[in-house]
């Protein structure tokens, strides 16, 4: 079984997190709503529950499954004679696309949204938000990950490479890092960027229901869900039903999937935030 070992992977991901944490402090894209240290501590606690869940539940279930898939020649790639140097990139491509589908489902299926909303109620968006997923969502997603592995025919090597690439990508596009618009337009032709994903975390439902890609931007182009024309200064990050820090404390977000939730997209006054039609084309990135 060929895999990418844990320590180099952890070094790459940890180094990326620390580098982006420093860079977004020096070059912030959006003004912050909450105090940095308490919010960062809260997100890191949630991230720790994720790490424990992945180590104790997901990896023991999924990594052995990839071994069986590789040995048995299961899945699409098991039935297509591809050289080794091509099989892994194709697996990464298909994993990225099927993750796009899963992300759409977490928004549109009410049961899944109950858990995914924990990620979106963060009132700021930065590199720590990338790690802020409810442990229940991680557990539920294992079934989808198993389906990806079996249907695609994912090898242990492809899975471990994808995990590192995905985490680096997610850390980058969740970051509050201000790049020049010119640079981001170039990068955004290929992969998801901070301005693009900032729109996905807007309190405007139409904007949140766009930009679902996690790696390659192409999937949003393909499905017509790409939205780039909202200025970052016009975006309010979060979910309308949870507008204040007192609504998103650590205790509240950990139990949030298991209690009665108000309609996510309505404010306390019953109004759903909306944005007037913008003159700039949807597919043109703006500052």
C-alpha atoms as a PDB file:
ATOM      1  CA  UNK A   1       0.000   0.000   0.000  1.00  0.00           C
ATOM      2  CA  UNK A   2       1.514   3.305  -1.154  1.00  0.00           C
ATOM      3  CA  UNK A   3       0.414   6.414   0.770  1.00  0.00           C
ATOM      4  CA  UNK A   4       1.647   9.846   1.729  1.00  0.00           C
ATOM      5  CA  UNK A   5       2.786   9.500   5.355  1.00  0.00           C
ATOM      6  CA  UNK A   6       1.089  11.474   8.109  1.00  0.00           C
ATOM      7  CA  UNK A   7       3.987  13.628   9.296  1.00  0.00           C
ATOM      8  CA  UNK A   8       4.865  15.302   5.956  1.00  0.00           C
ATOM      9  CA  UNK A   9       1.154  15.801   5.308  1.00  0.00           C
ATOM     10  CA  UNK A  10       0.671  17.412   8.720  1.00  0.00           C
ATOM     11  CA  UNK A  11       3.697  19.613   8.094  1.00  0.00           C
ATOM     12  CA  UNK A  12       2.337  20.873   4.773  1.00  0.00           C
ATOM     13  CA  UNK A  13      -1.148  21.541   6.156  1.00  0.00           C
ATOM     14  CA  UNK A  14       0.091  23.058   9.426  1.00  0.00           C
ATOM     15  CA  UNK A  15       2.615  25.232   7.626  1.00  0.00           C
ATOM     16  CA  UNK A  16      -0.040  26.454   5.207  1.00  0.00           C
ATOM     17  CA  UNK A  17      -2.375  27.309   8.092  1.00  0.00           C
ATOM     18  CA  UNK A  18       0.275  29.310   9.972  1.00  0.00           C
ATOM     19  CA  UNK A  19       1.466  31.101   6.837  1.00  0.00           C
ATOM     20  CA  UNK A  20      -2.058  32.143   5.867  1.00  0.00           C
ATOM     21  CA  UNK A  21      -2.858  33.163   9.455  1.00  0.00           C
ATOM     22  CA  UNK A  22       0.099  35.548   9.355  1.00  0.00           C
ATOM     23  CA  UNK A  23      -0.552  36.805   5.825  1.00  0.00           C
ATOM     24  CA  UNK A  24      -4.235  37.564   6.397  1.00  0.00           C
ATOM     25  CA  UNK A  25      -3.264  39.537   9.520  1.00  0.00           C
ATOM     26  CA  UNK A  26      -0.887  41.625   7.406  1.00  0.00           C
ATOM     27  CA  UNK A  27      -3.123  41.905   4.322  1.00  0.00           C
ATOM     28  CA  UNK A  28      -6.781  41.539   5.383  1.00  0.00           C
ATOM     29  CA  UNK A  29      -9.493  41.320   2.729  1.00  0.00           C
ATOM     30  CA  UNK A  30     -12.536  42.024   4.944  1.00  0.00           C
ATOM     31  CA  UNK A  31     -12.943  43.912   8.238  1.00  0.00           C
ATOM     32  CA  UNK A  32     -13.504  41.655  11.238  1.00  0.00           C
ATOM     33  CA  UNK A  33     -16.720  41.536  13.265  1.00  0.00           C
ATOM     34  CA  UNK A  34     -15.640  39.508  16.299  1.00  0.00           C
ATOM     35  CA  UNK A  35     -12.589  39.785  18.525  1.00  0.00           C
ATOM     36  CA  UNK A  36      -9.849  37.680  16.990  1.00  0.00           C
ATOM     37  CA  UNK A  37      -8.512  35.623  19.893  1.00  0.00           C
ATOM     38  CA  UNK A  38     -11.778  34.299  21.397  1.00  0.00           C
ATOM     39  CA  UNK A  39     -13.101  33.455  17.937  1.00  0.00           C
ATOM     40  CA  UNK A  40      -9.854  31.766  16.892  1.00  0.00           C
ATOM     41  CA  UNK A  41      -9.851  29.721  20.114  1.00  0.00           C
ATOM     42  CA  UNK A  42     -13.470  28.654  19.482  1.00  0.00           C
ATOM     43  CA  UNK A  43     -12.736  27.580  15.921  1.00  0.00           C
ATOM     44  CA  UNK A  44      -9.640  25.653  16.986  1.00  0.00           C
ATOM     45  CA  UNK A  45     -11.654  23.756  19.601  1.00  0.00           C
ATOM     46  CA  UNK A  46     -14.150  22.777  16.900  1.00  0.00           C
ATOM     47  CA  UNK A  47     -11.209  21.855  14.635  1.00  0.00           C
ATOM     48  CA  UNK A  48      -9.842  19.581  17.365  1.00  0.00           C
ATOM     49  CA  UNK A  49     -13.136  17.678  17.529  1.00  0.00           C
ATOM     50  CA  UNK A  50     -12.887  17.287  13.740  1.00  0.00           C
ATOM     51  CA  UNK A  51      -9.341  15.963  13.938  1.00  0.00           C
ATOM     52  CA  UNK A  52     -10.280  13.417  16.577  1.00  0.00           C
ATOM     53  CA  UNK A  53     -13.285  12.308  14.510  1.00  0.00           C
ATOM     54  CA  UNK A  54     -11.181  11.924  11.359  1.00  0.00           C
ATOM     55  CA  UNK A  55      -8.443   9.983  13.161  1.00  0.00           C
ATOM     56  CA  UNK A  56     -10.748   7.693  15.136  1.00  0.00           C
ATOM     57  CA  UNK A  57     -13.660   7.221  12.732  1.00  0.00           C
ATOM     58  CA  UNK A  58     -13.038   8.324   9.138  1.00  0.00           C
ATOM     59  CA  UNK A  59      -9.519   7.079   8.451  1.00  0.00           C
ATOM     60  CA  UNK A  60     -10.025   3.639  10.042  1.00  0.00           C
ATOM     61  CA  UNK A  61     -13.071   3.213   7.808  1.00  0.00           C
ATOM     62  CA  UNK A  62     -11.897   4.757   4.526  1.00  0.00           C
ATOM     63  CA  UNK A  63      -8.191   3.953   4.240  1.00  0.00           C
ATOM     64  CA  UNK A  64      -8.668   0.145   4.491  1.00  0.00           C
ATOM     65  CA  UNK A  65     -11.501   0.467   1.995  1.00  0.00           C
ATOM     66  CA  UNK A  66      -9.111   1.997  -0.561  1.00  0.00           C
ATOM     67  CA  UNK A  67      -6.828  -1.019  -0.092  1.00  0.00           C
ATOM     68  CA  UNK A  68      -9.675  -3.398  -0.941  1.00  0.00           C
ATOM     69  CA  UNK A  69     -10.688  -1.213  -3.890  1.00  0.00           C
ATOM     70  CA  UNK A  70      -7.154  -1.209  -5.288  1.00  0.00           C
ATOM     71  CA  UNK A  71      -6.643  -4.961  -4.812  1.00  0.00           C
ATOM     72  CA  UNK A  72     -10.045  -5.870  -6.204  1.00  0.00           C
ATOM     73  CA  UNK A  73      -9.933  -3.510  -9.166  1.00  0.00           C
ATOM     74  CA  UNK A  74     -13.205  -1.939  -8.105  1.00  0.00           C
ATOM     75  CA  UNK A  75     -14.789   1.192  -9.469  1.00  0.00           C
ATOM     76  CA  UNK A  76     -14.442   3.167 -12.654  1.00  0.00           C
ATOM     77  CA  UNK A  77     -10.656   3.357 -12.575  1.00  0.00           C
ATOM     78  CA  UNK A  78     -10.444  -0.340 -11.804  1.00  0.00           C
ATOM     79  CA  UNK A  79     -12.122  -1.058 -15.136  1.00  0.00           C
ATOM     80  CA  UNK A  80     -10.125   1.422 -17.210  1.00  0.00           C
ATOM     81  CA  UNK A  81      -6.555   0.557 -18.153  1.00  0.00           C
ATOM     82  CA  UNK A  82      -4.752   3.771 -17.202  1.00  0.00           C
ATOM     83  CA  UNK A  83      -1.026   4.033 -16.479  1.00  0.00           C
ATOM     84  CA  UNK A  84      -0.207   4.767 -12.836  1.00  0.00           C
ATOM     85  CA  UNK A  85       0.971   8.309 -13.604  1.00  0.00           C
ATOM     86  CA  UNK A  86      -2.464   9.130 -15.043  1.00  0.00           C
ATOM     87  CA  UNK A  87      -4.733   7.144 -12.719  1.00  0.00           C
ATOM     88  CA  UNK A  88      -3.979   9.300  -9.667  1.00  0.00           C
ATOM     89  CA  UNK A  89      -4.693  12.683 -11.361  1.00  0.00           C
ATOM     90  CA  UNK A  90      -7.943  11.311 -12.792  1.00  0.00           C
ATOM     91  CA  UNK A  91      -8.939  10.089  -9.330  1.00  0.00           C
ATOM     92  CA  UNK A  92      -8.176  13.539  -7.885  1.00  0.00           C
ATOM     93  CA  UNK A  93     -10.289  15.171 -10.581  1.00  0.00           C
ATOM     94  CA  UNK A  94     -13.261  12.885  -9.922  1.00  0.00           C
ATOM     95  CA  UNK A  95     -12.925  13.266  -6.145  1.00  0.00           C
ATOM     96  CA  UNK A  96     -13.025  17.028  -6.565  1.00  0.00           C
ATOM     97  CA  UNK A  97     -16.145  16.863  -8.739  1.00  0.00           C
ATOM     98  CA  UNK A  98     -18.013  14.508  -6.434  1.00  0.00           C
ATOM     99  CA  UNK A  99     -17.095  16.755  -3.490  1.00  0.00           C
ATOM    100  CA  UNK A 100     -18.788  19.609  -5.379  1.00  0.00           C
ATOM    101  CA  UNK A 101     -21.941  17.457  -5.508  1.00  0.00           C
ATOM    102  CA  UNK A 102     -21.689  16.695  -1.789  1.00  0.00           C
ATOM    103  CA  UNK A 103     -21.320  20.393  -0.990  1.00  0.00           C
ATOM    104  CA  UNK A 104     -24.471  21.169  -2.948  1.00  0.00           C
ATOM    105  CA  UNK A 105     -26.312  18.465  -1.014  1.00  0.00           C
ATOM    106  CA  UNK A 106     -25.193  19.873   2.356  1.00  0.00           C
ATOM    107  CA  UNK A 107     -26.966  23.110   1.436  1.00  0.00           C
ATOM    108  CA  UNK A 108     -30.093  21.759  -0.228  1.00  0.00           C
ATOM    109  CA  UNK A 109     -30.915  18.726   1.941  1.00  0.00           C
ATOM    110  CA  UNK A 110     -32.406  20.058   5.222  1.00  0.00           C
ATOM    111  CA  UNK A 111     -30.955  17.281   7.406  1.00  0.00           C
ATOM    112  CA  UNK A 112     -27.442  17.893   6.072  1.00  0.00           C
ATOM    113  CA  UNK A 113     -27.827  21.669   6.362  1.00  0.00           C
ATOM    114  CA  UNK A 114     -28.589  21.286  10.093  1.00  0.00           C
ATOM    115  CA  UNK A 115     -24.947  20.243  10.501  1.00  0.00           C
ATOM    116  CA  UNK A 116     -23.316  22.303   7.738  1.00  0.00           C
ATOM    117  CA  UNK A 117     -24.860  25.516   9.069  1.00  0.00           C
ATOM    118  CA  UNK A 118     -22.326  25.376  11.918  1.00  0.00           C
ATOM    119  CA  UNK A 119     -19.657  26.179   9.334  1.00  0.00           C
ATOM    120  CA  UNK A 120     -21.626  29.105   7.926  1.00  0.00           C
ATOM    121  CA  UNK A 121     -22.738  30.857  11.126  1.00  0.00           C
ATOM    122  CA  UNK A 122     -19.180  32.103  11.688  1.00  0.00           C
ATOM    123  CA  UNK A 123     -19.471  35.910  11.609  1.00  0.00           C
ATOM    124  CA  UNK A 124     -16.021  36.291  10.096  1.00  0.00           C
ATOM    125  CA  UNK A 125     -14.383  34.283   7.343  1.00  0.00           C
ATOM    126  CA  UNK A 126     -10.723  33.389   7.613  1.00  0.00           C
ATOM    127  CA  UNK A 127      -8.340  30.457   7.571  1.00  0.00           C
ATOM    128  CA  UNK A 128      -9.716  29.132  10.880  1.00  0.00           C
ATOM    129  CA  UNK A 129     -13.207  28.877   9.348  1.00  0.00           C
ATOM    130  CA  UNK A 130     -11.771  26.243   6.996  1.00  0.00           C
ATOM    131  CA  UNK A 131     -11.439  23.910   9.996  1.00  0.00           C
ATOM    132  CA  UNK A 132     -14.773  24.773  11.593  1.00  0.00           C
ATOM    133  CA  UNK A 133     -17.052  21.865  10.665  1.00  0.00           C
ATOM    134  CA  UNK A 134     -19.311  20.105  13.139  1.00  0.00           C
ATOM    135  CA  UNK A 135     -18.016  16.646  14.039  1.00  0.00           C
ATOM    136  CA  UNK A 136     -21.474  15.283  13.169  1.00  0.00           C
ATOM    137  CA  UNK A 137     -21.030  16.471   9.588  1.00  0.00           C
ATOM    138  CA  UNK A 138     -17.694  14.664   9.433  1.00  0.00           C
ATOM    139  CA  UNK A 139     -19.320  11.430  10.615  1.00  0.00           C
ATOM    140  CA  UNK A 140     -22.198  11.728   8.141  1.00  0.00           C
ATOM    141  CA  UNK A 141     -19.831  12.503   5.263  1.00  0.00           C
ATOM    142  CA  UNK A 142     -18.012   9.185   5.750  1.00  0.00           C
ATOM    143  CA  UNK A 143     -20.774   7.406   3.844  1.00  0.00           C
ATOM    144  CA  UNK A 144     -20.296   9.785   0.910  1.00  0.00           C
ATOM    145  CA  UNK A 145     -16.522   9.386   1.066  1.00  0.00           C
ATOM    146  CA  UNK A 146     -16.922   5.600   0.960  1.00  0.00           C
ATOM    147  CA  UNK A 147     -19.190   5.942  -2.066  1.00  0.00           C
ATOM    148  CA  UNK A 148     -16.602   8.153  -3.782  1.00  0.00           C
ATOM    149  CA  UNK A 149     -13.867   5.608  -3.125  1.00  0.00           C
ATOM    150  CA  UNK A 150     -15.845   2.600  -4.356  1.00  0.00           C
ATOM    151  CA  UNK A 151     -17.479   4.176  -7.424  1.00  0.00           C
ATOM    152  CA  UNK A 152     -14.370   6.021  -8.636  1.00  0.00           C
ATOM    153  CA  UNK A 153     -11.905   3.294  -7.652  1.00  0.00           C
ATOM    154  CA  UNK A 154      -9.675   5.437  -5.422  1.00  0.00           C
ATOM    155  CA  UNK A 155      -6.308   4.000  -4.399  1.00  0.00           C
ATOM    156  CA  UNK A 156      -4.661   4.670  -1.004  1.00  0.00           C
ATOM    157  CA  UNK A 157      -2.098   6.910  -2.708  1.00  0.00           C
ATOM    158  CA  UNK A 158      -4.764   8.959  -4.495  1.00  0.00           C
ATOM    159  CA  UNK A 159      -6.767   9.362  -1.280  1.00  0.00           C
ATOM    160  CA  UNK A 160      -3.839  10.574   0.812  1.00  0.00           C
ATOM    161  CA  UNK A 161      -2.665  12.993  -1.894  1.00  0.00           C
ATOM    162  CA  UNK A 162      -6.201  14.337  -2.283  1.00  0.00           C
ATOM    163  CA  UNK A 163      -6.599  14.895   1.454  1.00  0.00           C
ATOM    164  CA  UNK A 164      -3.517  17.124   1.537  1.00  0.00           C
ATOM    165  CA  UNK A 165      -4.372  19.000  -1.674  1.00  0.00           C
ATOM    166  CA  UNK A 166      -7.958  19.527  -0.518  1.00  0.00           C
ATOM    167  CA  UNK A 167      -6.967  20.869   2.900  1.00  0.00           C
ATOM    168  CA  UNK A 168      -4.464  23.306   1.397  1.00  0.00           C
ATOM    169  CA  UNK A 169      -7.079  24.501  -1.094  1.00  0.00           C
ATOM    170  CA  UNK A 170      -9.762  24.892   1.587  1.00  0.00           C
ATOM    171  CA  UNK A 171      -7.394  26.810   3.883  1.00  0.00           C
ATOM    172  CA  UNK A 172      -6.473  29.147   1.021  1.00  0.00           C
ATOM    173  CA  UNK A 173      -9.940  30.031  -0.208  1.00  0.00           C
ATOM    174  CA  UNK A 174     -11.371  30.484   3.285  1.00  0.00           C
ATOM    175  CA  UNK A 175      -8.565  32.849   4.219  1.00  0.00           C
ATOM    176  CA  UNK A 176      -9.088  36.563   4.707  1.00  0.00           C
ATOM    177  CA  UNK A 177      -6.103  37.271   2.484  1.00  0.00           C
ATOM    178  CA  UNK A 178      -6.201  40.285   0.189  1.00  0.00           C
ATOM    179  CA  UNK A 179      -4.587  39.560  -3.149  1.00  0.00           C
ATOM    180  CA  UNK A 180      -4.627  42.053  -5.977  1.00  0.00           C
ATOM    181  CA  UNK A 181      -7.728  41.735  -8.126  1.00  0.00           C
ATOM    182  CA  UNK A 182      -5.527  41.082 -11.136  1.00  0.00           C
ATOM    183  CA  UNK A 183      -3.701  38.227  -9.409  1.00  0.00           C
ATOM    184  CA  UNK A 184      -6.901  36.712  -8.076  1.00  0.00           C
ATOM    185  CA  UNK A 185      -8.562  36.834 -11.486  1.00  0.00           C
ATOM    186  CA  UNK A 186      -5.669  34.823 -12.905  1.00  0.00           C
ATOM    187  CA  UNK A 187      -5.725  32.257 -10.096  1.00  0.00           C
ATOM    188  CA  UNK A 188      -9.523  32.061 -10.121  1.00  0.00           C
ATOM    189  CA  UNK A 189      -9.558  30.783 -13.675  1.00  0.00           C
ATOM    190  CA  UNK A 190      -8.363  27.504 -12.226  1.00  0.00           C
ATOM    191  CA  UNK A 191      -8.976  27.249  -8.469  1.00  0.00           C
ATOM    192  CA  UNK A 192     -11.269  28.757  -5.842  1.00  0.00           C
ATOM    193  CA  UNK A 193      -9.985  32.002  -4.304  1.00  0.00           C
ATOM    194  CA  UNK A 194     -10.802  34.089  -1.191  1.00  0.00           C
ATOM    195  CA  UNK A 195     -13.046  36.608  -2.956  1.00  0.00           C
ATOM    196  CA  UNK A 196     -14.963  33.853  -4.731  1.00  0.00           C
ATOM    197  CA  UNK A 197     -15.552  31.877  -1.551  1.00  0.00           C
ATOM    198  CA  UNK A 198     -16.370  35.010   0.430  1.00  0.00           C
ATOM    199  CA  UNK A 199     -19.477  35.348  -1.734  1.00  0.00           C
ATOM    200  CA  UNK A 200     -20.457  31.785  -0.805  1.00  0.00           C
ATOM    201  CA  UNK A 201     -20.459  32.800   2.884  1.00  0.00           C
ATOM    202  CA  UNK A 202     -22.775  35.783   2.335  1.00  0.00           C
ATOM    203  CA  UNK A 203     -26.017  36.191   4.307  1.00  0.00           C
ATOM    204  CA  UNK A 204     -27.816  36.527   0.961  1.00  0.00           C
ATOM    205  CA  UNK A 205     -29.179  33.065   0.145  1.00  0.00           C
ATOM    206  CA  UNK A 206     -28.755  33.406  -3.624  1.00  0.00           C
ATOM    207  CA  UNK A 207     -25.072  34.177  -3.110  1.00  0.00           C
ATOM    208  CA  UNK A 208     -24.520  31.349  -0.625  1.00  0.00           C
ATOM    209  CA  UNK A 209     -26.137  28.992  -3.146  1.00  0.00           C
ATOM    210  CA  UNK A 210     -23.295  29.634  -5.570  1.00  0.00           C
ATOM    211  CA  UNK A 211     -19.549  28.953  -5.705  1.00  0.00           C
ATOM    212  CA  UNK A 212     -19.814  25.416  -4.335  1.00  0.00           C
ATOM    213  CA  UNK A 213     -16.477  24.254  -5.751  1.00  0.00           C
ATOM    214  CA  UNK A 214     -13.785  23.296  -3.242  1.00  0.00           C
ATOM    215  CA  UNK A 215     -10.820  22.896  -5.569  1.00  0.00           C
ATOM    216  CA  UNK A 216     -11.211  23.598  -9.262  1.00  0.00           C
ATOM    217  CA  UNK A 217     -13.430  26.519 -10.259  1.00  0.00           C
ATOM    218  CA  UNK A 218     -14.483  24.567 -13.350  1.00  0.00           C
ATOM    219  CA  UNK A 219     -17.379  22.777 -11.637  1.00  0.00           C
ATOM    220  CA  UNK A 220     -19.182  26.056 -10.940  1.00  0.00           C
ATOM    221  CA  UNK A 221     -18.542  27.129 -14.532  1.00  0.00           C
ATOM    222  CA  UNK A 222     -19.930  23.795 -15.746  1.00  0.00           C
ATOM    223  CA  UNK A 223     -23.133  23.973 -13.698  1.00  0.00           C
ATOM    224  CA  UNK A 224     -23.762  27.704 -13.983  1.00  0.00           C
ATOM    225  CA  UNK A 225     -23.304  28.284 -10.244  1.00  0.00           C
ATOM    226  CA  UNK A 226     -20.327  30.647 -10.520  1.00  0.00           C
ATOM    227  CA  UNK A 227     -20.807  34.109  -8.986  1.00  0.00           C
ATOM    228  CA  UNK A 228     -17.931  36.589  -8.828  1.00  0.00           C
ATOM    229  CA  UNK A 229     -19.468  40.047  -9.183  1.00  0.00           C
ATOM    230  CA  UNK A 230     -20.233  40.919  -5.540  1.00  0.00           C
ATOM    231  CA  UNK A 231     -17.772  43.398  -3.947  1.00  0.00           C
ATOM    232  CA  UNK A 232     -16.278  42.088  -0.716  1.00  0.00           C
ATOM    233  CA  UNK A 233     -17.105  45.300   1.165  1.00  0.00           C
ATOM    234  CA  UNK A 234     -20.785  44.714   0.344  1.00  0.00           C
ATOM    235  CA  UNK A 235     -20.821  41.207   1.836  1.00  0.00           C
ATOM    236  CA  UNK A 236     -21.994  40.408   5.349  1.00  0.00           C
ATOM    237  CA  UNK A 237     -20.570  37.055   6.406  1.00  0.00           C
ATOM    238  CA  UNK A 238     -22.792  34.562   8.206  1.00  0.00           C
ATOM    239  CA  UNK A 239     -26.388  33.329   8.310  1.00  0.00           C
ATOM    240  CA  UNK A 240     -29.235  35.846   8.899  1.00  0.00           C
ATOM    241  CA  UNK A 241     -30.805  33.890  11.785  1.00  0.00           C
ATOM    242  CA  UNK A 242     -27.529  34.042  13.760  1.00  0.00           C
ATOM    243  CA  UNK A 243     -26.425  37.682  13.537  1.00  0.00           C
ATOM    244  CA  UNK A 244     -24.526  38.231  16.813  1.00  0.00           C
ATOM    245  CA  UNK A 245     -21.586  36.634  18.672  1.00  0.00           C
ATOM    246  CA  UNK A 246     -23.925  35.583  21.494  1.00  0.00           C
ATOM    247  CA  UNK A 247     -25.759  33.307  19.032  1.00  0.00           C
ATOM    248  CA  UNK A 248     -22.604  31.482  17.890  1.00  0.00           C
ATOM    249  CA  UNK A 249     -20.748  30.670  21.099  1.00  0.00           C
ATOM    250  CA  UNK A 250     -18.908  27.365  21.360  1.00  0.00           C
ATOM    251  CA  UNK A 251     -21.638  25.691  23.395  1.00  0.00           C
ATOM    252  CA  UNK A 252     -24.371  26.855  21.041  1.00  0.00           C
ATOM    253  CA  UNK A 253     -22.710  25.712  17.822  1.00  0.00           C
ATOM    254  CA  UNK A 254     -21.837  22.273  19.211  1.00  0.00           C
ATOM    255  CA  UNK A 255     -25.484  21.550  20.047  1.00  0.00           C
ATOM    256  CA  UNK A 256     -26.932  23.479  17.085  1.00  0.00           C
ATOM    257  CA  UNK A 257     -27.689  20.438  14.861  1.00  0.00           C
ATOM    258  CA  UNK A 258     -29.622  18.772  17.687  1.00  0.00           C
ATOM    259  CA  UNK A 259     -31.955  21.624  18.703  1.00  0.00           C
ATOM    260  CA  UNK A 260     -34.799  23.460  16.983  1.00  0.00           C
ATOM    261  CA  UNK A 261     -33.367  25.888  14.442  1.00  0.00           C
ATOM    262  CA  UNK A 262     -35.080  29.067  13.230  1.00  0.00           C
ATOM    263  CA  UNK A 263     -35.435  29.586   9.452  1.00  0.00           C
ATOM    264  CA  UNK A 264     -31.821  30.174   8.473  1.00  0.00           C
ATOM    265  CA  UNK A 265     -32.338  32.885   5.869  1.00  0.00           C
ATOM    266  CA  UNK A 266     -34.682  35.179   7.795  1.00  0.00           C
ATOM    267  CA  UNK A 267     -33.582  37.849  10.235  1.00  0.00           C
ATOM    268  CA  UNK A 268     -35.393  38.278  13.545  1.00  0.00           C
ATOM    269  CA  UNK A 269     -37.742  40.750  11.838  1.00  0.00           C
ATOM    270  CA  UNK A 270     -38.807  38.046   9.362  1.00  0.00           C
ATOM    271  CA  UNK A 271     -37.061  39.672   6.382  1.00  0.00           C
ATOM    272  CA  UNK A 272     -34.765  37.660   4.120  1.00  0.00           C
ATOM    273  CA  UNK A 273     -31.706  39.654   3.007  1.00  0.00           C
ATOM    274  CA  UNK A 274     -31.447  40.227  -0.724  1.00  0.00           C
ATOM    275  CA  UNK A 275     -29.249  42.189  -3.073  1.00  0.00           C
ATOM    276  CA  UNK A 276     -30.367  44.319  -6.025  1.00  0.00           C
ATOM    277  CA  UNK A 277     -29.332  43.120  -9.459  1.00  0.00           C
ATOM    278  CA  UNK A 278     -25.730  44.133 -10.102  1.00  0.00           C
ATOM    279  CA  UNK A 279     -24.627  45.605 -13.409  1.00  0.00           C
ATOM    280  CA  UNK A 280     -21.349  43.683 -13.492  1.00  0.00           C
ATOM    281  CA  UNK A 281     -21.602  40.240 -15.187  1.00  0.00           C
ATOM    282  CA  UNK A 282     -21.798  37.362 -12.718  1.00  0.00           C
ATOM    283  CA  UNK A 283     -18.587  35.780 -13.966  1.00  0.00           C
ATOM    284  CA  UNK A 284     -16.404  38.895 -13.568  1.00  0.00           C
ATOM    285  CA  UNK A 285     -14.464  39.118 -10.314  1.00  0.00           C
ATOM    286  CA  UNK A 286     -14.624  42.515  -8.611  1.00  0.00           C
ATOM    287  CA  UNK A 287     -12.777  43.974  -5.636  1.00  0.00           C
END
